[in-house]
C-alpha atoms as a PDB file:
ATOM      1  CA  UNK A   1     -13.579 -15.760  15.276  1.00  0.00           C
ATOM      2  CA  UNK A   2     -14.056 -16.611  11.596  1.00  0.00           C
ATOM      3  CA  UNK A   3     -10.939 -16.501   9.516  1.00  0.00           C
ATOM      4  CA  UNK A   4     -10.844 -13.626   6.797  1.00  0.00           C
ATOM      5  CA  UNK A   5     -10.341 -14.640   3.285  1.00  0.00           C
ATOM      6  CA  UNK A   6      -8.934 -12.504   0.444  1.00  0.00           C
ATOM      7  CA  UNK A   7     -11.308 -12.661  -2.544  1.00  0.00           C
ATOM      8  CA  UNK A   8     -11.159  -9.128  -3.921  1.00  0.00           C
ATOM      9  CA  UNK A   9      -8.240  -7.627  -5.891  1.00  0.00           C
ATOM     10  CA  UNK A  10      -8.022  -3.857  -6.606  1.00  0.00           C
ATOM     11  CA  UNK A  11      -6.065  -2.527  -9.657  1.00  0.00           C
ATOM     12  CA  UNK A  12      -5.347   1.238  -9.598  1.00  0.00           C
ATOM     13  CA  UNK A  13      -5.235   2.083 -13.299  1.00  0.00           C
ATOM     14  CA  UNK A  14      -6.157   5.700 -13.577  1.00  0.00           C
ATOM     15  CA  UNK A  15      -2.617   7.072 -14.093  1.00  0.00           C
ATOM     16  CA  UNK A  16      -1.629   8.836 -17.287  1.00  0.00           C
ATOM     17  CA  UNK A  17       1.483   6.844 -18.264  1.00  0.00           C
ATOM     18  CA  UNK A  18       3.482   9.867 -19.314  1.00  0.00           C
ATOM     19  CA  UNK A  19       6.680   7.916 -19.405  1.00  0.00           C
ATOM     20  CA  UNK A  20       5.480   5.970 -22.501  1.00  0.00           C
ATOM     21  CA  UNK A  21       4.291   8.917 -24.592  1.00  0.00           C
ATOM     22  CA  UNK A  22       3.378   9.112 -27.453  1.00  0.00           C
ATOM     23  CA  UNK A  23       2.375   5.407 -27.245  1.00  0.00           C
ATOM     24  CA  UNK A  24       0.085   6.224 -24.350  1.00  0.00           C
ATOM     25  CA  UNK A  25      -1.578   9.360 -25.837  1.00  0.00           C
ATOM     26  CA  UNK A  26      -4.639   7.424 -26.898  1.00  0.00           C
ATOM     27  CA  UNK A  27      -4.255   3.960 -25.170  1.00  0.00           C
ATOM     28  CA  UNK A  28      -3.807   3.176 -21.510  1.00  0.00           C
ATOM     29  CA  UNK A  29      -0.257   2.122 -20.482  1.00  0.00           C
ATOM     30  CA  UNK A  30      -1.875  -0.961 -18.724  1.00  0.00           C
ATOM     31  CA  UNK A  31      -2.866  -2.170 -22.281  1.00  0.00           C
ATOM     32  CA  UNK A  32       0.766  -2.057 -23.709  1.00  0.00           C
ATOM     33  CA  UNK A  33       1.433  -5.695 -24.661  1.00  0.00           C
ATOM     34  CA  UNK A  34       4.186  -7.792 -23.230  1.00  0.00           C
ATOM     35  CA  UNK A  35       4.600 -10.028 -26.297  1.00  0.00           C
ATOM     36  CA  UNK A  36       0.911 -10.543 -26.998  1.00  0.00           C
ATOM     37  CA  UNK A  37      -0.933  -9.893 -23.663  1.00  0.00           C
ATOM     38  CA  UNK A  38      -1.530  -6.521 -22.130  1.00  0.00           C
ATOM     39  CA  UNK A  39       0.482  -5.705 -18.930  1.00  0.00           C
ATOM     40  CA  UNK A  40      -2.776  -5.710 -16.808  1.00  0.00           C
ATOM     41  CA  UNK A  41      -3.849  -9.076 -17.903  1.00  0.00           C
ATOM     42  CA  UNK A  42      -0.755 -10.668 -16.270  1.00  0.00           C
ATOM     43  CA  UNK A  43      -1.717  -9.084 -12.946  1.00  0.00           C
ATOM     44  CA  UNK A  44      -5.461 -10.111 -13.285  1.00  0.00           C
ATOM     45  CA  UNK A  45      -4.325 -13.710 -14.039  1.00  0.00           C
ATOM     46  CA  UNK A  46      -2.041 -13.570 -11.020  1.00  0.00           C
ATOM     47  CA  UNK A  47      -5.013 -12.402  -8.751  1.00  0.00           C
ATOM     48  CA  UNK A  48      -7.256 -15.158 -10.143  1.00  0.00           C
ATOM     49  CA  UNK A  49      -4.636 -17.819  -9.590  1.00  0.00           C
ATOM     50  CA  UNK A  50      -4.388 -16.506  -5.994  1.00  0.00           C
ATOM     51  CA  UNK A  51      -7.962 -17.136  -5.120  1.00  0.00           C
ATOM     52  CA  UNK A  52      -9.420 -13.704  -6.073  1.00  0.00           C
ATOM     53  CA  UNK A  53     -12.705 -14.033  -7.906  1.00  0.00           C
ATOM     54  CA  UNK A  54     -13.639 -10.305  -7.875  1.00  0.00           C
ATOM     55  CA  UNK A  55     -11.588  -7.839  -9.756  1.00  0.00           C
ATOM     56  CA  UNK A  56     -11.935  -4.098  -9.126  1.00  0.00           C
ATOM     57  CA  UNK A  57     -10.320  -1.833 -11.593  1.00  0.00           C
ATOM     58  CA  UNK A  58      -9.888   1.929 -10.732  1.00  0.00           C
ATOM     59  CA  UNK A  59      -9.956   3.721 -14.047  1.00  0.00           C
ATOM     60  CA  UNK A  60     -10.053   7.280 -15.323  1.00  0.00           C
ATOM     61  CA  UNK A  61     -10.671   9.133 -18.507  1.00  0.00           C
ATOM     62  CA  UNK A  62      -9.319   7.379 -21.715  1.00  0.00           C
ATOM     63  CA  UNK A  63      -9.234   4.069 -20.110  1.00  0.00           C
ATOM     64  CA  UNK A  64     -12.083   2.495 -22.058  1.00  0.00           C
ATOM     65  CA  UNK A  65      -9.750  -0.005 -23.836  1.00  0.00           C
ATOM     66  CA  UNK A  66      -9.294  -1.776 -20.409  1.00  0.00           C
ATOM     67  CA  UNK A  67     -12.982  -2.236 -19.998  1.00  0.00           C
ATOM     68  CA  UNK A  68     -13.383  -3.389 -23.641  1.00  0.00           C
ATOM     69  CA  UNK A  69     -10.555  -5.947 -23.140  1.00  0.00           C
ATOM     70  CA  UNK A  70     -12.299  -7.773 -20.284  1.00  0.00           C
ATOM     71  CA  UNK A  71     -15.678  -7.459 -21.926  1.00  0.00           C
ATOM     72  CA  UNK A  72     -17.255  -9.889 -24.449  1.00  0.00           C
ATOM     73  CA  UNK A  73     -16.617  -8.980 -28.173  1.00  0.00           C
ATOM     74  CA  UNK A  74     -19.415 -10.580 -30.059  1.00  0.00           C
ATOM     75  CA  UNK A  75     -18.368  -9.292 -33.495  1.00  0.00           C
ATOM     76  CA  UNK A  76     -14.763 -10.616 -33.023  1.00  0.00           C
ATOM     77  CA  UNK A  77     -16.022 -14.043 -31.680  1.00  0.00           C
ATOM     78  CA  UNK A  78     -18.485 -14.512 -34.483  1.00  0.00           C
ATOM     79  CA  UNK A  79     -15.771 -13.693 -37.083  1.00  0.00           C
ATOM     80  CA  UNK A  80     -13.383 -16.131 -35.497  1.00  0.00           C
ATOM     81  CA  UNK A  81     -16.124 -18.777 -35.324  1.00  0.00           C
ATOM     82  CA  UNK A  82     -17.058 -18.340 -38.979  1.00  0.00           C
ATOM     83  CA  UNK A  83     -13.393 -18.672 -40.041  1.00  0.00           C
ATOM     84  CA  UNK A  84     -12.933 -21.766 -37.857  1.00  0.00           C
ATOM     85  CA  UNK A  85     -10.134 -20.163 -35.799  1.00  0.00           C
ATOM     86  CA  UNK A  86     -11.108 -22.039 -32.723  1.00  0.00           C
ATOM     87  CA  UNK A  87      -7.679 -21.679 -30.955  1.00  0.00           C
ATOM     88  CA  UNK A  88      -7.968 -17.820 -31.198  1.00  0.00           C
ATOM     89  CA  UNK A  89     -11.651 -17.862 -30.205  1.00  0.00           C
ATOM     90  CA  UNK A  90     -10.668 -19.738 -27.025  1.00  0.00           C
ATOM     91  CA  UNK A  91      -8.001 -17.280 -26.186  1.00  0.00           C
ATOM     92  CA  UNK A  92     -10.516 -14.291 -26.640  1.00  0.00           C
ATOM     93  CA  UNK A  93     -13.301 -16.112 -24.809  1.00  0.00           C
ATOM     94  CA  UNK A  94     -11.119 -17.004 -21.819  1.00  0.00           C
ATOM     95  CA  UNK A  95     -10.502 -13.282 -21.197  1.00  0.00           C
ATOM     96  CA  UNK A  96     -14.119 -12.397 -20.901  1.00  0.00           C
ATOM     97  CA  UNK A  97     -15.082 -15.610 -19.047  1.00  0.00           C
ATOM     98  CA  UNK A  98     -12.275 -15.087 -16.729  1.00  0.00           C
ATOM     99  CA  UNK A  99     -13.742 -13.177 -13.815  1.00  0.00           C
ATOM    100  CA  UNK A 100     -16.232 -10.804 -12.501  1.00  0.00           C
ATOM    101  CA  UNK A 101     -14.873  -7.282 -13.166  1.00  0.00           C
ATOM    102  CA  UNK A 102     -16.181  -3.950 -11.662  1.00  0.00           C
ATOM    103  CA  UNK A 103     -15.012  -0.572 -12.564  1.00  0.00           C
ATOM    104  CA  UNK A 104     -14.848   2.654 -10.435  1.00  0.00           C
ATOM    105  CA  UNK A 105     -14.024   5.930 -12.077  1.00  0.00           C
ATOM    106  CA  UNK A 106     -11.309   8.149 -10.486  1.00  0.00           C
ATOM    107  CA  UNK A 107     -12.024  11.602 -11.858  1.00  0.00           C
ATOM    108  CA  UNK A 108      -8.594  12.814 -11.073  1.00  0.00           C
ATOM    109  CA  UNK A 109      -5.342  10.840 -10.483  1.00  0.00           C
ATOM    110  CA  UNK A 110      -4.839  12.034  -6.869  1.00  0.00           C
ATOM    111  CA  UNK A 111      -2.383   9.489  -5.720  1.00  0.00           C
ATOM    112  CA  UNK A 112      -2.295   5.649  -4.911  1.00  0.00           C
ATOM    113  CA  UNK A 113      -3.954   6.091  -1.575  1.00  0.00           C
ATOM    114  CA  UNK A 114      -6.920   7.999  -3.171  1.00  0.00           C
ATOM    115  CA  UNK A 115      -7.316   5.211  -5.828  1.00  0.00           C
ATOM    116  CA  UNK A 116      -7.412   2.635  -3.067  1.00  0.00           C
ATOM    117  CA  UNK A 117      -9.923   4.786  -1.156  1.00  0.00           C
ATOM    118  CA  UNK A 118     -12.198   4.751  -4.277  1.00  0.00           C
ATOM    119  CA  UNK A 119     -12.575   0.969  -3.739  1.00  0.00           C
ATOM    120  CA  UNK A 120     -14.180   1.385  -0.329  1.00  0.00           C
ATOM    121  CA  UNK A 121     -17.896   1.022  -1.250  1.00  0.00           C
ATOM    122  CA  UNK A 122     -17.185  -2.244  -3.407  1.00  0.00           C
ATOM    123  CA  UNK A 123     -14.662  -3.766  -1.096  1.00  0.00           C
ATOM    124  CA  UNK A 124     -16.751  -3.343   2.123  1.00  0.00           C
ATOM    125  CA  UNK A 125     -15.663  -4.881   5.353  1.00  0.00           C
ATOM    126  CA  UNK A 126     -13.285  -7.457   3.838  1.00  0.00           C
ATOM    127  CA  UNK A 127      -9.443  -7.752   3.442  1.00  0.00           C
ATOM    128  CA  UNK A 128      -8.451  -7.272  -0.104  1.00  0.00           C
ATOM    129  CA  UNK A 129      -5.353  -7.247  -2.417  1.00  0.00           C
ATOM    130  CA  UNK A 130      -3.923  -4.291  -4.307  1.00  0.00           C
ATOM    131  CA  UNK A 131      -1.990  -5.039  -7.332  1.00  0.00           C
ATOM    132  CA  UNK A 132       0.037  -2.381  -9.392  1.00  0.00           C
ATOM    133  CA  UNK A 133      -0.055  -3.599 -12.920  1.00  0.00           C
ATOM    134  CA  UNK A 134       3.425  -2.063 -13.769  1.00  0.00           C
ATOM    135  CA  UNK A 135       5.066  -4.705 -11.457  1.00  0.00           C
ATOM    136  CA  UNK A 136       4.840  -7.935 -13.505  1.00  0.00           C
ATOM    137  CA  UNK A 137       6.154 -10.690 -11.311  1.00  0.00           C
ATOM    138  CA  UNK A 138       7.299 -14.013 -12.909  1.00  0.00           C
ATOM    139  CA  UNK A 139       7.101 -16.680 -10.234  1.00  0.00           C
ATOM    140  CA  UNK A 140       6.533 -20.373 -10.055  1.00  0.00           C
ATOM    141  CA  UNK A 141       3.860 -19.768  -7.238  1.00  0.00           C
ATOM    142  CA  UNK A 142       2.227 -16.405  -8.042  1.00  0.00           C
ATOM    143  CA  UNK A 143       3.517 -13.653  -5.785  1.00  0.00           C
ATOM    144  CA  UNK A 144      -0.022 -12.817  -4.513  1.00  0.00           C
ATOM    145  CA  UNK A 145      -0.620 -16.470  -3.681  1.00  0.00           C
ATOM    146  CA  UNK A 146       2.514 -16.594  -1.530  1.00  0.00           C
ATOM    147  CA  UNK A 147       1.156 -13.505   0.318  1.00  0.00           C
ATOM    148  CA  UNK A 148      -2.198 -15.026   0.692  1.00  0.00           C
ATOM    149  CA  UNK A 149      -0.647 -17.892   2.553  1.00  0.00           C
ATOM    150  CA  UNK A 150       1.011 -15.380   4.958  1.00  0.00           C
ATOM    151  CA  UNK A 151      -2.309 -13.543   5.421  1.00  0.00           C
ATOM    152  CA  UNK A 152      -4.205 -16.808   6.103  1.00  0.00           C
ATOM    153  CA  UNK A 153      -1.811 -17.488   8.927  1.00  0.00           C
ATOM    154  CA  UNK A 154      -1.481 -13.948  10.337  1.00  0.00           C
ATOM    155  CA  UNK A 155      -4.798 -12.452   9.450  1.00  0.00           C
ATOM    156  CA  UNK A 156      -2.920  -9.054   9.214  1.00  0.00           C
ATOM    157  CA  UNK A 157      -1.972  -6.741   6.264  1.00  0.00           C
ATOM    158  CA  UNK A 158       0.955  -8.146   4.187  1.00  0.00           C
ATOM    159  CA  UNK A 159       3.260  -6.087   1.929  1.00  0.00           C
ATOM    160  CA  UNK A 160       5.414  -7.635  -0.655  1.00  0.00           C
ATOM    161  CA  UNK A 161       9.015  -6.557  -0.408  1.00  0.00           C
ATOM    162  CA  UNK A 162      12.198  -6.869  -2.357  1.00  0.00           C
ATOM    163  CA  UNK A 163      15.862  -6.505  -1.374  1.00  0.00           C
ATOM    164  CA  UNK A 164      17.244  -3.410  -3.224  1.00  0.00           C
ATOM    165  CA  UNK A 165      20.922  -2.813  -2.897  1.00  0.00           C
ATOM    166  CA  UNK A 166      22.639   0.638  -3.180  1.00  0.00           C
ATOM    167  CA  UNK A 167      21.421   3.945  -4.305  1.00  0.00           C
ATOM    168  CA  UNK A 168      18.210   2.708  -6.020  1.00  0.00           C
ATOM    169  CA  UNK A 169      16.546   2.104  -2.701  1.00  0.00           C
ATOM    170  CA  UNK A 170      15.729   5.916  -2.566  1.00  0.00           C
ATOM    171  CA  UNK A 171      13.186   5.352  -5.436  1.00  0.00           C
ATOM    172  CA  UNK A 172      11.054   3.272  -3.081  1.00  0.00           C
ATOM    173  CA  UNK A 173       9.065   3.131   0.122  1.00  0.00           C
ATOM    174  CA  UNK A 174      11.472   1.384   2.541  1.00  0.00           C
ATOM    175  CA  UNK A 175      10.555  -0.611   5.588  1.00  0.00           C
ATOM    176  CA  UNK A 176      11.942  -0.724   9.042  1.00  0.00           C
ATOM    177  CA  UNK A 177      11.324  -4.201  10.373  1.00  0.00           C
ATOM    178  CA  UNK A 178      12.072  -6.887  12.974  1.00  0.00           C
ATOM    179  CA  UNK A 179      12.520 -10.493  12.320  1.00  0.00           C
ATOM    180  CA  UNK A 180       9.657 -13.007  13.364  1.00  0.00           C
ATOM    181  CA  UNK A 181       9.666 -16.628  14.011  1.00  0.00           C
ATOM    182  CA  UNK A 182       7.490 -18.335  11.404  1.00  0.00           C
ATOM    183  CA  UNK A 183       7.219 -21.221   8.987  1.00  0.00           C
ATOM    184  CA  UNK A 184       8.131 -18.704   6.249  1.00  0.00           C
ATOM    185  CA  UNK A 185      11.665 -18.675   7.567  1.00  0.00           C
ATOM    186  CA  UNK A 186      13.722 -15.567   6.859  1.00  0.00           C
ATOM    187  CA  UNK A 187      11.250 -14.145   4.461  1.00  0.00           C
ATOM    188  CA  UNK A 188       8.675 -12.828   6.842  1.00  0.00           C
ATOM    189  CA  UNK A 189       9.150  -9.640   9.056  1.00  0.00           C
ATOM    190  CA  UNK A 190       7.018  -7.560  11.269  1.00  0.00           C
ATOM    191  CA  UNK A 191       6.960  -3.945  10.062  1.00  0.00           C
ATOM    192  CA  UNK A 192       7.753  -1.225  12.685  1.00  0.00           C
ATOM    193  CA  UNK A 193       7.849   1.760  10.277  1.00  0.00           C
ATOM    194  CA  UNK A 194       7.991   2.822   6.696  1.00  0.00           C
ATOM    195  CA  UNK A 195       9.738   5.753   4.945  1.00  0.00           C
ATOM    196  CA  UNK A 196       8.983   7.075   1.554  1.00  0.00           C
ATOM    197  CA  UNK A 197      11.952   7.495  -0.755  1.00  0.00           C
ATOM    198  CA  UNK A 198      14.768   8.028   1.959  1.00  0.00           C
ATOM    199  CA  UNK A 199      18.209   9.065   1.028  1.00  0.00           C
ATOM    200  CA  UNK A 200      20.373   5.845   0.644  1.00  0.00           C
ATOM    201  CA  UNK A 201      22.221   6.652   3.854  1.00  0.00           C
ATOM    202  CA  UNK A 202      18.979   7.245   5.865  1.00  0.00           C
ATOM    203  CA  UNK A 203      17.155   4.063   4.615  1.00  0.00           C
ATOM    204  CA  UNK A 204      16.235   1.916   7.658  1.00  0.00           C
ATOM    205  CA  UNK A 205      16.908  -1.324   5.699  1.00  0.00           C
ATOM    206  CA  UNK A 206      17.321  -2.583   2.127  1.00  0.00           C
ATOM    207  CA  UNK A 207      13.662  -3.821   1.972  1.00  0.00           C
ATOM    208  CA  UNK A 208      11.606  -1.947  -0.486  1.00  0.00           C
ATOM    209  CA  UNK A 209       7.910  -2.043  -0.862  1.00  0.00           C
ATOM    210  CA  UNK A 210       6.712  -3.132  -4.293  1.00  0.00           C
ATOM    211  CA  UNK A 211       3.360  -3.353  -6.122  1.00  0.00           C
ATOM    212  CA  UNK A 212       1.675  -5.985  -4.084  1.00  0.00           C
ATOM    213  CA  UNK A 213      -0.372  -5.451  -0.856  1.00  0.00           C
ATOM    214  CA  UNK A 214      -2.953  -7.339   1.108  1.00  0.00           C
ATOM    215  CA  UNK A 215      -4.648  -4.840   3.390  1.00  0.00           C
ATOM    216  CA  UNK A 216      -7.433  -5.095   6.074  1.00  0.00           C
ATOM    217  CA  UNK A 217     -10.455  -2.996   5.767  1.00  0.00           C
ATOM    218  CA  UNK A 218      -9.276  -0.743   8.529  1.00  0.00           C
ATOM    219  CA  UNK A 219      -7.027   0.897   5.897  1.00  0.00           C
ATOM    220  CA  UNK A 220     -10.131   2.894   4.488  1.00  0.00           C
ATOM    221  CA  UNK A 221     -10.646   4.802   7.814  1.00  0.00           C
ATOM    222  CA  UNK A 222      -6.807   5.451   7.891  1.00  0.00           C
ATOM    223  CA  UNK A 223      -6.785   6.866   4.304  1.00  0.00           C
ATOM    224  CA  UNK A 224      -9.838   8.916   4.919  1.00  0.00           C
ATOM    225  CA  UNK A 225      -8.142  10.495   7.883  1.00  0.00           C
ATOM    226  CA  UNK A 226      -4.725  10.936   6.080  1.00  0.00           C
ATOM    227  CA  UNK A 227      -3.812  14.593   5.043  1.00  0.00           C
ATOM    228  CA  UNK A 228      -2.916  14.981   1.377  1.00  0.00           C
ATOM    229  CA  UNK A 229       0.721  15.607   0.469  1.00  0.00           C
ATOM    230  CA  UNK A 230       2.453  17.249  -2.419  1.00  0.00           C
ATOM    231  CA  UNK A 231       0.268  18.126  -5.285  1.00  0.00           C
ATOM    232  CA  UNK A 232      -2.879  17.360  -3.290  1.00  0.00           C
ATOM    233  CA  UNK A 233      -2.196  13.645  -3.539  1.00  0.00           C
ATOM    234  CA  UNK A 234      -3.117  11.147  -1.013  1.00  0.00           C
ATOM    235  CA  UNK A 235      -0.325   8.674  -0.513  1.00  0.00           C
ATOM    236  CA  UNK A 236      -0.944   4.986   0.355  1.00  0.00           C
ATOM    237  CA  UNK A 237       2.270   4.861   2.481  1.00  0.00           C
ATOM    238  CA  UNK A 238       0.930   7.631   4.763  1.00  0.00           C
ATOM    239  CA  UNK A 239      -2.340   5.685   5.155  1.00  0.00           C
ATOM    240  CA  UNK A 240      -0.420   2.591   5.977  1.00  0.00           C
ATOM    241  CA  UNK A 241       1.639   4.353   8.573  1.00  0.00           C
ATOM    242  CA  UNK A 242      -1.540   5.183  10.342  1.00  0.00           C
ATOM    243  CA  UNK A 243      -2.797   1.630  10.006  1.00  0.00           C
ATOM    244  CA  UNK A 244       0.500   0.462  11.679  1.00  0.00           C
ATOM    245  CA  UNK A 245      -0.445   2.336  14.804  1.00  0.00           C
ATOM    246  CA  UNK A 246      -3.774   0.342  14.959  1.00  0.00           C
ATOM    247  CA  UNK A 247      -2.658  -3.184  13.994  1.00  0.00           C
ATOM    248  CA  UNK A 248       0.283  -5.410  13.049  1.00  0.00           C
ATOM    249  CA  UNK A 249       1.579  -5.396   9.549  1.00  0.00           C
ATOM    250  CA  UNK A 250       3.929  -7.926   7.962  1.00  0.00           C
ATOM    251  CA  UNK A 251       6.566  -7.614   5.113  1.00  0.00           C
ATOM    252  CA  UNK A 252       7.161 -10.774   2.937  1.00  0.00           C
ATOM    253  CA  UNK A 253      10.169 -11.279   0.848  1.00  0.00           C
ATOM    254  CA  UNK A 254       8.415 -12.951  -2.162  1.00  0.00           C
ATOM    255  CA  UNK A 255      10.082 -15.567  -4.420  1.00  0.00           C
ATOM    256  CA  UNK A 256      10.169 -14.668  -7.979  1.00  0.00           C
ATOM    257  CA  UNK A 257      11.407 -12.078 -10.510  1.00  0.00           C
ATOM    258  CA  UNK A 258       9.865  -8.669 -10.755  1.00  0.00           C
ATOM    259  CA  UNK A 259       9.805  -6.620 -13.874  1.00  0.00           C
ATOM    260  CA  UNK A 260       9.056  -2.930 -13.645  1.00  0.00           C
ATOM    261  CA  UNK A 261       7.261  -2.446 -16.884  1.00  0.00           C
ATOM    262  CA  UNK A 262       6.438   1.260 -16.050  1.00  0.00           C
ATOM    263  CA  UNK A 263      10.006   1.889 -16.975  1.00  0.00           C
ATOM    264  CA  UNK A 264      11.058   1.681 -20.673  1.00  0.00           C
ATOM    265  CA  UNK A 265      14.126  -0.275 -20.092  1.00  0.00           C
ATOM    266  CA  UNK A 266      12.206  -2.510 -17.733  1.00  0.00           C
ATOM    267  CA  UNK A 267       9.529  -3.044 -20.353  1.00  0.00           C
ATOM    268  CA  UNK A 268      12.017  -4.059 -22.988  1.00  0.00           C
ATOM    269  CA  UNK A 269      13.738  -6.495 -20.739  1.00  0.00           C
ATOM    270  CA  UNK A 270      10.488  -8.080 -19.737  1.00  0.00           C
ATOM    271  CA  UNK A 271       9.367  -8.408 -23.392  1.00  0.00           C
ATOM    272  CA  UNK A 272      12.689 -10.211 -24.177  1.00  0.00           C
ATOM    273  CA  UNK A 273      12.520 -12.553 -21.188  1.00  0.00           C
ATOM    274  CA  UNK A 274       8.811 -13.429 -21.635  1.00  0.00           C
ATOM    275  CA  UNK A 275       9.298 -13.993 -25.326  1.00  0.00           C
ATOM    276  CA  UNK A 276      12.327 -16.404 -24.608  1.00  0.00           C
ATOM    277  CA  UNK A 277      10.105 -18.410 -22.252  1.00  0.00           C
ATOM    278  CA  UNK A 278       7.467 -19.035 -25.023  1.00  0.00           C
ATOM    279  CA  UNK A 279       7.401 -22.413 -26.459  1.00  0.00           C
ATOM    280  CA  UNK A 280       6.359 -21.078 -29.839  1.00  0.00           C
ATOM    281  CA  UNK A 281       8.798 -18.155 -30.002  1.00  0.00           C
ATOM    282  CA  UNK A 282      11.702 -18.949 -27.623  1.00  0.00           C
ATOM    283  CA  UNK A 283      13.919 -20.914 -29.858  1.00  0.00           C
ATOM    284  CA  UNK A 284      13.716 -18.753 -33.047  1.00  0.00           C
ATOM    285  CA  UNK A 285      13.890 -15.508 -31.000  1.00  0.00           C
ATOM    286  CA  UNK A 286      16.986 -16.860 -29.018  1.00  0.00           C
ATOM    287  CA  UNK A 287      18.735 -17.666 -32.431  1.00  0.00           C
ATOM    288  CA  UNK A 288      17.825 -14.173 -33.804  1.00  0.00           C
ATOM    289  CA  UNK A 289      19.381 -12.588 -30.606  1.00  0.00           C
ATOM    290  CA  UNK A 290      22.593 -14.593 -30.913  1.00  0.00           C
ATOM    291  CA  UNK A 291      22.914 -13.529 -34.565  1.00  0.00           C
ATOM    292  CA  UNK A 292      22.995  -9.887 -33.616  1.00  0.00           C
ATOM    293  CA  UNK A 293      26.531  -8.676 -33.499  1.00  0.00           C
ATOM    294  CA  UNK A 294      26.224  -6.837 -30.211  1.00  0.00           C
END
């Protein structure tokens, strides 16, 4: 049987971003910049670096800026060319030359499961990745690339997971797992079950699901047959629980540092850490921070 490859990456981006109002009143939260690059671009670059050459963005009303960002901007390119700003021209062109991007409009934000189901026609009968742009993961080997290696070996759905200690575990989907023997050492587990936002004392483990998934196309039928939950929302976790009854799924503890940029404090921390890593900004910014009498 021919091995399946992951070539498509889905970005659900139809949410309203209410946590960042008023900044997100007229611009998508996915376009908020971490230093000088929109949040969603970090995810798109990760997907590309992991072998995905087709990007599918699930958008909604008021998300035009995302489409414009990944499109060609003739006026801007011409102006930069005329002014001889070749370095900036290269940066702008690299974005629109980057990838093939398709967009699907989600009329109402009806949950993550619904957003993924919207991708069905364009994904077809292939495995695919789902990346939540809010989770910006700083890693030597891109997080998704680590997961693709697991998928290449297992040919099963793979969820990225992170160890969360203490009360915070109740903010996540949590995995019930069993250890497996593999070349990935103690980073790979087989999933037995998953629980959405359990009380800390009822959590089956300290392994939380975070915003990176590789899913087989069987997930679409599962989502189509999943009843909606609170507020008429279709939850991805519910669909994955159905998928688990049909085929094996794995959890992978990725190597890297995750920044939750959907949270104001997480966004600020990420901005500082990414700025400190920059060759052009790191040293002067570090000096500035040291000079603050905190």
